[in-house]
C-alpha atoms as a PDB file:
ATOM      1  CA  MET A   1      79.620 171.281  61.988  1.00  0.00           C
ATOM      2  CA  ARG A   2      83.332 171.890  62.105  1.00  0.00           C
ATOM      3  CA  ARG A   3      83.823 173.681  64.643  1.00  0.00           C
ATOM      4  CA  LEU A   4      82.727 170.891  67.117  1.00  0.00           C
ATOM      5  CA  LEU A   5      83.916 168.632  65.469  1.00  0.00           C
ATOM      6  CA  PHE A   6      87.150 170.631  66.492  1.00  0.00           C
ATOM      7  CA  VAL A   7      86.520 170.785  70.217  1.00  0.00           C
ATOM      8  CA  LEU A   8      85.583 166.887  70.461  1.00  0.00           C
ATOM      9  CA  MET A   9      88.398 166.317  68.589  1.00  0.00           C
ATOM     10  CA  ALA A  10      90.576 168.920  71.337  1.00  0.00           C
ATOM     11  CA  ILE A  11      88.651 167.409  74.360  1.00  0.00           C
ATOM     12  CA  LEU A  12      89.237 163.655  73.086  1.00  0.00           C
ATOM     13  CA  VAL A  13      93.013 164.665  72.917  1.00  0.00           C
ATOM     14  CA  THR A  14      93.539 166.460  76.639  1.00  0.00           C
ATOM     15  CA  ALA A  15      91.002 163.584  78.698  1.00  0.00           C
ATOM     16  CA  SER A  16      94.097 161.210  76.894  1.00  0.00           C
ATOM     17  CA  ALA A  17      97.015 163.554  78.578  1.00  0.00           C
ATOM     18  CA  LEU A  18      95.504 163.148  81.620  1.00  0.00           C
ATOM     19  CA  ALA A  19      97.255 160.715  84.276  1.00  0.00           C
ATOM     20  CA  GLU A  20     100.109 160.873  82.577  1.00  0.00           C
ATOM     21  CA  VAL A  21     103.598 160.001  84.275  1.00  0.00           C
ATOM     22  CA  ASP A  22     106.762 162.057  84.301  1.00  0.00           C
ATOM     23  CA  ARG A  23     109.207 160.042  81.773  1.00  0.00           C
ATOM     24  CA  THR A  24     112.558 162.564  82.843  1.00  0.00           C
ATOM     25  CA  LEU A  25     115.087 163.238  85.669  1.00  0.00           C
ATOM     26  CA  TYR A  26     116.010 166.485  84.570  1.00  0.00           C
ATOM     27  CA  THR A  27     112.907 167.736  82.952  1.00  0.00           C
ATOM     28  CA  ARG A  28     109.963 168.693  83.761  1.00  0.00           C
ATOM     29  CA  GLU A  29     106.990 166.843  80.907  1.00  0.00           C
ATOM     30  CA  ASN A  30     103.342 168.395  80.382  1.00  0.00           C
ATOM     31  CA  ARG A  31     102.354 164.897  82.461  1.00  0.00           C
ATOM     32  CA  PHE A  32     100.455 165.089  85.258  1.00  0.00           C
ATOM     33  CA  PRO A  33      98.454 163.515  87.140  1.00  0.00           C
ATOM     34  CA  ASP A  34      94.569 163.425  86.835  1.00  0.00           C
ATOM     35  CA  LEU A  35      92.956 166.197  88.794  1.00  0.00           C
ATOM     36  CA  TYR A  36      92.059 165.318  92.774  1.00  0.00           C
ATOM     37  CA  ARG A  37      93.955 161.771  91.988  1.00  0.00           C
ATOM     38  CA  PRO A  38      97.930 161.379  93.741  1.00  0.00           C
ATOM     39  CA  GLU A  39     100.595 159.477  91.971  1.00  0.00           C
ATOM     40  CA  LEU A  40     102.885 157.892  93.759  1.00  0.00           C
ATOM     41  CA  ASN A  41     106.508 157.008  92.836  1.00  0.00           C
ATOM     42  CA  LEU A  42     109.033 154.655  94.781  1.00  0.00           C
ATOM     43  CA  ILE A  43     112.361 155.693  93.808  1.00  0.00           C
ATOM     44  CA  TYR A  44     115.759 153.470  94.360  1.00  0.00           C
ATOM     45  CA  ASN A  45     118.896 154.886  93.202  1.00  0.00           C
ATOM     46  CA  TYR A  46     122.228 153.454  93.414  1.00  0.00           C
ATOM     47  CA  THR A  47     125.300 156.388  93.403  1.00  0.00           C
ATOM     48  CA  GLU A  48     128.986 154.773  93.354  1.00  0.00           C
ATOM     49  CA  LEU A  49     131.318 157.946  94.687  1.00  0.00           C
ATOM     50  CA  GLY A  50     134.663 157.643  93.074  1.00  0.00           C
ATOM     51  CA  ASN A  51     138.036 158.623  94.744  1.00  0.00           C
ATOM     52  CA  ASP A  52     138.169 162.200  92.678  1.00  0.00           C
ATOM     53  CA  ASN A  53     134.952 163.319  94.425  1.00  0.00           C
ATOM     54  CA  ARG A  54     134.437 166.248  95.787  1.00  0.00           C
ATOM     55  CA  ILE A  55     132.663 164.511  99.455  1.00  0.00           C
ATOM     56  CA  ILE A  56     135.581 161.971 100.395  1.00  0.00           C
ATOM     57  CA  PRO A  57     138.484 163.333  98.045  1.00  0.00           C
ATOM     58  CA  LYS A  58     140.660 159.479  97.949  1.00  0.00           C
ATOM     59  CA  ASN A  59     138.126 157.305  99.801  1.00  0.00           C
ATOM     60  CA  ASP A  60     135.715 154.955  97.487  1.00  0.00           C
ATOM     61  CA  ALA A  61     132.390 155.787  98.676  1.00  0.00           C
ATOM     62  CA  ASP A  62     128.833 154.120  97.755  1.00  0.00           C
ATOM     63  CA  ILE A  63     125.261 155.851  98.674  1.00  0.00           C
ATOM     64  CA  GLU A  64     121.947 154.445  98.396  1.00  0.00           C
ATOM     65  CA  THR A  65     118.528 156.243  98.681  1.00  0.00           C
ATOM     66  CA  TYR A  66     115.229 155.161  98.718  1.00  0.00           C
ATOM     67  CA  SER A  67     112.928 157.582  98.086  1.00  0.00           C
ATOM     68  CA  LEU A  68     109.080 158.366  98.430  1.00  0.00           C
ATOM     69  CA  MET A  69     108.472 160.378  95.255  1.00  0.00           C
ATOM     70  CA  GLY A  70     104.047 161.911  95.406  1.00  0.00           C
ATOM     71  CA  ARG A  71     102.145 164.392  93.707  1.00  0.00           C
ATOM     72  CA  VAL A  72      98.725 165.540  92.809  1.00  0.00           C
ATOM     73  CA  GLN A  73      97.076 168.006  90.934  1.00  0.00           C
ATOM     74  CA  VAL A  74      95.336 170.227  93.156  1.00  0.00           C
ATOM     75  CA  LEU A  75      94.049 172.597  90.380  1.00  0.00           C
ATOM     76  CA  PRO A  76      93.247 172.758  86.827  1.00  0.00           C
ATOM     77  CA  ASP A  77      97.583 172.816  85.434  1.00  0.00           C
ATOM     78  CA  LEU A  78      98.761 173.220  89.121  1.00  0.00           C
ATOM     79  CA  THR A  79     100.407 170.291  90.271  1.00  0.00           C
ATOM     80  CA  ILE A  80     102.570 169.612  93.362  1.00  0.00           C
ATOM     81  CA  ASN A  81     104.717 167.780  94.385  1.00  0.00           C
ATOM     82  CA  ALA A  82     106.891 166.294  97.785  1.00  0.00           C
ATOM     83  CA  ASP A  83     110.073 163.954  97.711  1.00  0.00           C
ATOM     84  CA  LEU A  84     111.069 161.676 101.199  1.00  0.00           C
ATOM     85  CA  PRO A  85     114.637 160.421 101.044  1.00  0.00           C
ATOM     86  CA  TYR A  86     115.876 157.249 103.445  1.00  0.00           C
ATOM     87  CA  LYS A  87     119.579 157.497 102.760  1.00  0.00           C
ATOM     88  CA  ARG A  88     122.892 154.967 103.272  1.00  0.00           C
ATOM     89  CA  TYR A  89     125.530 155.714 102.707  1.00  0.00           C
ATOM     90  CA  THR A  90     128.841 153.228 102.696  1.00  0.00           C
ATOM     91  CA  SER A  91     132.969 153.907 102.291  1.00  0.00           C
ATOM     92  CA  ASP A  92     135.833 151.104 102.007  1.00  0.00           C
ATOM     93  CA  THR A  93     137.696 153.408 105.242  1.00  0.00           C
ATOM     94  CA  SER A  94     135.602 155.214 107.279  1.00  0.00           C
ATOM     95  CA  SER A  95     132.314 154.579 108.999  1.00  0.00           C
ATOM     96  CA  ASP A  96     128.881 153.722 107.692  1.00  0.00           C
ATOM     97  CA  HIS A  97     125.870 155.603 107.887  1.00  0.00           C
ATOM     98  CA  SER A  98     121.853 155.048 107.130  1.00  0.00           C
ATOM     99  CA  GLY A  99     119.118 157.811 107.414  1.00  0.00           C
ATOM    100  CA  LEU A 100     116.933 160.985 106.366  1.00  0.00           C
ATOM    101  CA  GLY A 101     118.269 162.863 103.368  1.00  0.00           C
ATOM    102  CA  ASP A 102     116.766 166.238 102.133  1.00  0.00           C
ATOM    103  CA  ILE A 103     113.175 166.774 101.633  1.00  0.00           C
ATOM    104  CA  THR A 104     111.570 168.624  98.910  1.00  0.00           C
ATOM    105  CA  VAL A 105     108.307 170.193  97.966  1.00  0.00           C
ATOM    106  CA  GLY A 106     107.433 172.033  95.247  1.00  0.00           C
ATOM    107  CA  ALA A 107     104.602 172.780  92.339  1.00  0.00           C
ATOM    108  CA  SER A 108     104.688 173.011  88.746  1.00  0.00           C
ATOM    109  CA  LEU A 109     102.430 175.351  86.769  1.00  0.00           C
ATOM    110  CA  LEU A 110     101.269 174.306  83.180  1.00  0.00           C
ATOM    111  CA  ALA A 111     101.352 178.104  81.911  1.00  0.00           C
ATOM    112  CA  TYR A 112     101.040 177.187  78.194  1.00  0.00           C
ATOM    113  CA  GLU A 113     100.650 174.625  76.287  1.00  0.00           C
ATOM    114  CA  HIS A 114      99.156 173.833  72.681  1.00  0.00           C
ATOM    115  CA  ILE A 115      96.084 172.061  71.690  1.00  0.00           C
ATOM    116  CA  LEU A 116      97.432 169.019  70.231  1.00  0.00           C
ATOM    117  CA  ASP A 117     100.201 169.235  72.883  1.00  0.00           C
ATOM    118  CA  TYR A 118     102.872 170.677  71.143  1.00  0.00           C
ATOM    119  CA  PRO A 119     104.863 173.405  72.528  1.00  0.00           C
ATOM    120  CA  PHE A 120     104.760 174.116  76.163  1.00  0.00           C
ATOM    121  CA  VAL A 121     106.016 176.024  79.261  1.00  0.00           C
ATOM    122  CA  ILE A 122     106.393 174.895  82.701  1.00  0.00           C
ATOM    123  CA  PRO A 123     107.412 177.558  85.472  1.00  0.00           C
ATOM    124  CA  HIS A 124     108.733 175.379  88.249  1.00  0.00           C
ATOM    125  CA  VAL A 125     109.235 176.167  92.257  1.00  0.00           C
ATOM    126  CA  ASP A 126     111.154 173.461  94.841  1.00  0.00           C
ATOM    127  CA  HIS A 127     112.433 173.758  98.438  1.00  0.00           C
ATOM    128  CA  THR A 128     114.907 171.381  99.689  1.00  0.00           C
ATOM    129  CA  PHE A 129     115.228 171.429 103.526  1.00  0.00           C
ATOM    130  CA  ASP A 130     118.481 170.528 105.957  1.00  0.00           C
ATOM    131  CA  THR A 131     117.563 167.766 107.087  1.00  0.00           C
ATOM    132  CA  GLY A 132     119.953 165.499 105.703  1.00  0.00           C
ATOM    133  CA  ASP A 133     122.788 165.011 108.200  1.00  0.00           C
ATOM    134  CA  GLU A 134     125.842 166.689 105.694  1.00  0.00           C
ATOM    135  CA  ASP A 135     128.185 165.161 108.387  1.00  0.00           C
ATOM    136  CA  GLU A 136     127.050 162.076 107.553  1.00  0.00           C
ATOM    137  CA  ASN A 137     127.003 162.637 104.594  1.00  0.00           C
ATOM    138  CA  LEU A 138     123.295 162.155 103.811  1.00  0.00           C
ATOM    139  CA  GLY A 139     122.789 166.140 103.209  1.00  0.00           C
ATOM    140  CA  ALA A 140     124.170 169.393 101.178  1.00  0.00           C
ATOM    141  CA  GLY A 141     124.164 170.511 104.640  1.00  0.00           C
ATOM    142  CA  GLU A 142     122.473 173.880 103.909  1.00  0.00           C
ATOM    143  CA  GLU A 143     117.980 174.858 102.123  1.00  0.00           C
ATOM    144  CA  TYR A 144     117.792 176.019  98.814  1.00  0.00           C
ATOM    145  CA  THR A 145     115.123 177.203  96.643  1.00  0.00           C
ATOM    146  CA  THR A 146     115.036 176.130  92.575  1.00  0.00           C
ATOM    147  CA  ILE A 147     113.518 178.237  90.401  1.00  0.00           C
ATOM    148  CA  GLY A 148     112.894 177.314  87.034  1.00  0.00           C
ATOM    149  CA  ILE A 149     111.436 176.624  83.605  1.00  0.00           C
ATOM    150  CA  GLY A 150     110.433 173.786  81.183  1.00  0.00           C
ATOM    151  CA  ILE A 151     110.155 173.589  78.125  1.00  0.00           C
ATOM    152  CA  GLY A 152     109.241 171.237  75.225  1.00  0.00           C
ATOM    153  CA  THR A 153     107.677 169.684  71.657  1.00  0.00           C
ATOM    154  CA  VAL A 154     107.121 167.138  70.566  1.00  0.00           C
ATOM    155  CA  THR A 155     108.076 166.381  66.753  1.00  0.00           C
ATOM    156  CA  ARG A 156     106.936 163.109  64.170  1.00  0.00           C
ATOM    157  CA  ASP A 157     104.930 162.586  67.482  1.00  0.00           C
ATOM    158  CA  VAL A 158     107.247 160.511  68.830  1.00  0.00           C
ATOM    159  CA  LEU A 159     110.054 162.849  69.630  1.00  0.00           C
ATOM    160  CA  HIS A 160     109.825 164.601  73.072  1.00  0.00           C
ATOM    161  CA  TRP A 161     112.483 167.520  73.811  1.00  0.00           C
ATOM    162  CA  MET A 162     112.708 169.579  76.412  1.00  0.00           C
ATOM    163  CA  LEU A 163     115.012 172.273  77.997  1.00  0.00           C
ATOM    164  CA  ASP A 164     114.917 172.947  82.095  1.00  0.00           C
ATOM    165  CA  LEU A 165     116.375 176.013  82.864  1.00  0.00           C
ATOM    166  CA  GLY A 166     116.707 176.151  87.167  1.00  0.00           C
ATOM    167  CA  TYR A 167     118.199 178.712  89.382  1.00  0.00           C
ATOM    168  CA  GLU A 168     119.095 177.504  92.996  1.00  0.00           C
ATOM    169  CA  ILE A 169     119.142 180.507  95.579  1.00  0.00           C
ATOM    170  CA  ARG A 170     121.009 178.464  98.181  1.00  0.00           C
ATOM    171  CA  ASP A 171     120.896 179.495 102.207  1.00  0.00           C
ATOM    172  CA  LYS A 172     125.147 179.196 102.627  1.00  0.00           C
ATOM    173  CA  SER A 173     126.394 179.095  99.708  1.00  0.00           C
ATOM    174  CA  ASP A 174     126.828 181.624  96.211  1.00  0.00           C
ATOM    175  CA  ASN A 175     123.634 180.854  94.599  1.00  0.00           C
ATOM    176  CA  ALA A 176     123.721 178.801  91.143  1.00  0.00           C
ATOM    177  CA  VAL A 177     122.337 177.406  87.554  1.00  0.00           C
ATOM    178  CA  VAL A 178     120.931 174.438  86.935  1.00  0.00           C
ATOM    179  CA  ILE A 179     119.967 173.387  83.966  1.00  0.00           C
ATOM    180  CA  GLY A 180     118.786 170.349  81.711  1.00  0.00           C
ATOM    181  CA  GLY A 181     117.887 168.459  78.378  1.00  0.00           C
ATOM    182  CA  SER A 182     115.811 166.031  77.922  1.00  0.00           C
ATOM    183  CA  LEU A 183     114.826 163.723  74.405  1.00  0.00           C
ATOM    184  CA  VAL A 184     112.336 160.817  74.962  1.00  0.00           C
ATOM    185  CA  TRP A 185     111.470 159.001  71.906  1.00  0.00           C
ATOM    186  CA  ASP A 186     108.389 156.591  71.358  1.00  0.00           C
ATOM    187  CA  LEU A 187     108.563 153.269  70.425  1.00  0.00           C
ATOM    188  CA  ASP A 188     104.815 152.225  71.079  1.00  0.00           C
ATOM    189  CA  GLU A 189     102.271 153.172  73.401  1.00  0.00           C
ATOM    190  CA  ARG A 190     103.861 152.092  76.263  1.00  0.00           C
ATOM    191  CA  PHE A 191     107.550 151.901  75.769  1.00  0.00           C
ATOM    192  CA  SER A 192     109.573 154.483  75.762  1.00  0.00           C
ATOM    193  CA  VAL A 193     113.864 155.254  75.689  1.00  0.00           C
ATOM    194  CA  LEU A 194     115.096 158.498  76.637  1.00  0.00           C
ATOM    195  CA  ALA A 195     118.706 160.389  77.039  1.00  0.00           C
ATOM    196  CA  GLU A 196     119.267 163.336  79.695  1.00  0.00           C
ATOM    197  CA  THR A 197     122.047 165.438  80.715  1.00  0.00           C
ATOM    198  CA  GLN A 198     122.312 168.122  83.115  1.00  0.00           C
ATOM    199  CA  TYR A 199     124.663 170.801  83.976  1.00  0.00           C
ATOM    200  CA  ARG A 200     125.212 172.098  87.530  1.00  0.00           C
ATOM    201  CA  GLN A 201     127.508 174.293  89.340  1.00  0.00           C
ATOM    202  CA  ALA A 202     129.231 173.094  92.363  1.00  0.00           C
ATOM    203  CA  PRO A 203     128.468 175.200  95.779  1.00  0.00           C
ATOM    204  CA  ASP A 204     130.981 177.564  96.744  1.00  0.00           C
ATOM    205  CA  HIS A 205     132.146 175.368  99.923  1.00  0.00           C
ATOM    206  CA  ALA A 206     133.240 172.559  97.951  1.00  0.00           C
ATOM    207  CA  PRO A 207     136.287 171.818  97.122  1.00  0.00           C
ATOM    208  CA  ASN A 208     137.234 172.629  93.021  1.00  0.00           C
ATOM    209  CA  ALA A 209     133.901 175.097  94.379  1.00  0.00           C
ATOM    210  CA  ASP A 210     135.187 176.992  90.978  1.00  0.00           C
ATOM    211  CA  SER A 211     134.043 173.644  88.906  1.00  0.00           C
ATOM    212  CA  TYR A 212     130.670 172.679  87.477  1.00  0.00           C
ATOM    213  CA  GLY A 213     129.657 169.366  87.297  1.00  0.00           C
ATOM    214  CA  ILE A 214     128.183 167.483  83.695  1.00  0.00           C
ATOM    215  CA  LEU A 215     125.505 164.546  84.079  1.00  0.00           C
ATOM    216  CA  TYR A 216     124.431 162.108  81.383  1.00  0.00           C
ATOM    217  CA  THR A 217     121.964 159.345  81.297  1.00  0.00           C
ATOM    218  CA  GLY A 218     120.250 157.108  79.080  1.00  0.00           C
ATOM    219  CA  GLY A 219     116.660 155.102  80.360  1.00  0.00           C
ATOM    220  CA  MET A 220     113.104 153.241  79.459  1.00  0.00           C
ATOM    221  CA  VAL A 221     110.069 153.817  80.304  1.00  0.00           C
ATOM    222  CA  TYR A 222     107.395 151.092  80.184  1.00  0.00           C
ATOM    223  CA  GLN A 223     103.672 151.454  81.296  1.00  0.00           C
ATOM    224  CA  ALA A 224     102.335 147.871  82.779  1.00  0.00           C
ATOM    225  CA  ASN A 225      98.866 149.205  82.303  1.00  0.00           C
ATOM    226  CA  ASP A 226      96.731 152.215  83.648  1.00  0.00           C
ATOM    227  CA  VAL A 227      97.870 151.925  87.566  1.00  0.00           C
ATOM    228  CA  LEU A 228     101.388 150.720  86.847  1.00  0.00           C
ATOM    229  CA  THR A 229     104.981 152.289  84.928  1.00  0.00           C
ATOM    230  CA  PHE A 230     107.949 150.681  85.841  1.00  0.00           C
ATOM    231  CA  SER A 231     111.284 153.092  85.418  1.00  0.00           C
ATOM    232  CA  ALA A 232     114.847 152.589  84.733  1.00  0.00           C
ATOM    233  CA  TYR A 233     117.998 154.695  84.444  1.00  0.00           C
ATOM    234  CA  GLY A 234     121.705 154.879  83.620  1.00  0.00           C
ATOM    235  CA  THR A 235     123.893 158.165  85.010  1.00  0.00           C
ATOM    236  CA  GLY A 236     127.753 158.428  84.431  1.00  0.00           C
ATOM    237  CA  ALA A 237     129.946 161.211  85.629  1.00  0.00           C
ATOM    238  CA  ALA A 238     131.112 163.517  82.404  1.00  0.00           C
ATOM    239  CA  LYS A 239     132.836 166.243  84.051  1.00  0.00           C
ATOM    240  CA  ASN A 240     133.079 166.962  88.084  1.00  0.00           C
ATOM    241  CA  THR A 241     130.658 165.502  89.655  1.00  0.00           C
ATOM    242  CA  ASP A 242     130.320 163.682  92.920  1.00  0.00           C
ATOM    243  CA  GLU A 243     129.796 160.758  91.761  1.00  0.00           C
ATOM    244  CA  ASP A 244     131.384 158.395  88.758  1.00  0.00           C
ATOM    245  CA  VAL A 245     127.609 156.548  88.011  1.00  0.00           C
ATOM    246  CA  GLY A 246     124.684 155.734  89.192  1.00  0.00           C
ATOM    247  CA  VAL A 247     121.497 153.434  88.756  1.00  0.00           C
ATOM    248  CA  THR A 248     117.999 154.311  89.373  1.00  0.00           C
ATOM    249  CA  LEU A 249     114.950 152.189  89.428  1.00  0.00           C
ATOM    250  CA  ARG A 250     111.189 153.913  89.728  1.00  0.00           C
ATOM    251  CA  ALA A 251     107.929 152.146  89.927  1.00  0.00           C
ATOM    252  CA  THR A 252     104.486 154.183  89.969  1.00  0.00           C
ATOM    253  CA  ILE A 253     101.817 153.833  91.132  1.00  0.00           C
ATOM    254  CA  SER A 254      98.575 156.339  89.730  1.00  0.00           C
ATOM    255  CA  PHE A 255      95.316 156.297  91.410  1.00  0.00           C
END
């Protein structure tokens, strides 16, 4: 009888974890759409590039990105994703440009998860295509593949800790390390706040190529109902990044 109750409890816990929205920007969370049921994200990002950024030295510029990002779980524990961005670049001193950004496709595997959804391990891979025009500041100017692994756990049932270790295999410049960390605090069943940071090595073809960048982000996530979730994030530069500040707004539709 105890074994039966344990199995029933595990099934209920697993079922309740289905179709949950990934809330972090720099790490992978063990929250995935239901099997064969897609998730659609409508994302707006505004980034202000300051006078000291590597892309446009001594020139103030802004980049707005409108992204359509989707995820679907195609096999148990295997989820694929795709990101289609449209960018608009504006500058105080040069001409403005808009067009397609760099398209990304990838996959995540929930390789390990404790039966009560605490410790988890998620290997993942993403490939970014050189579809954005680098000369118009709409793309990175090269293709690259990011191979990574995300790990995380939960303490006191409300604090979600995540670390993501990634390695970028770049087409033209030297390969690079990317490290992200996240903390999500569930204030109740529908509302969460979070803090994140990311370390990234600079491409070797950029000025100050021997430097690295650090970003920090704060945000909040509100699940309005079982279908619609709203997220808002504010990002600042801690050291040697292309951006001074950024704002990201996201609406997630779970089918």
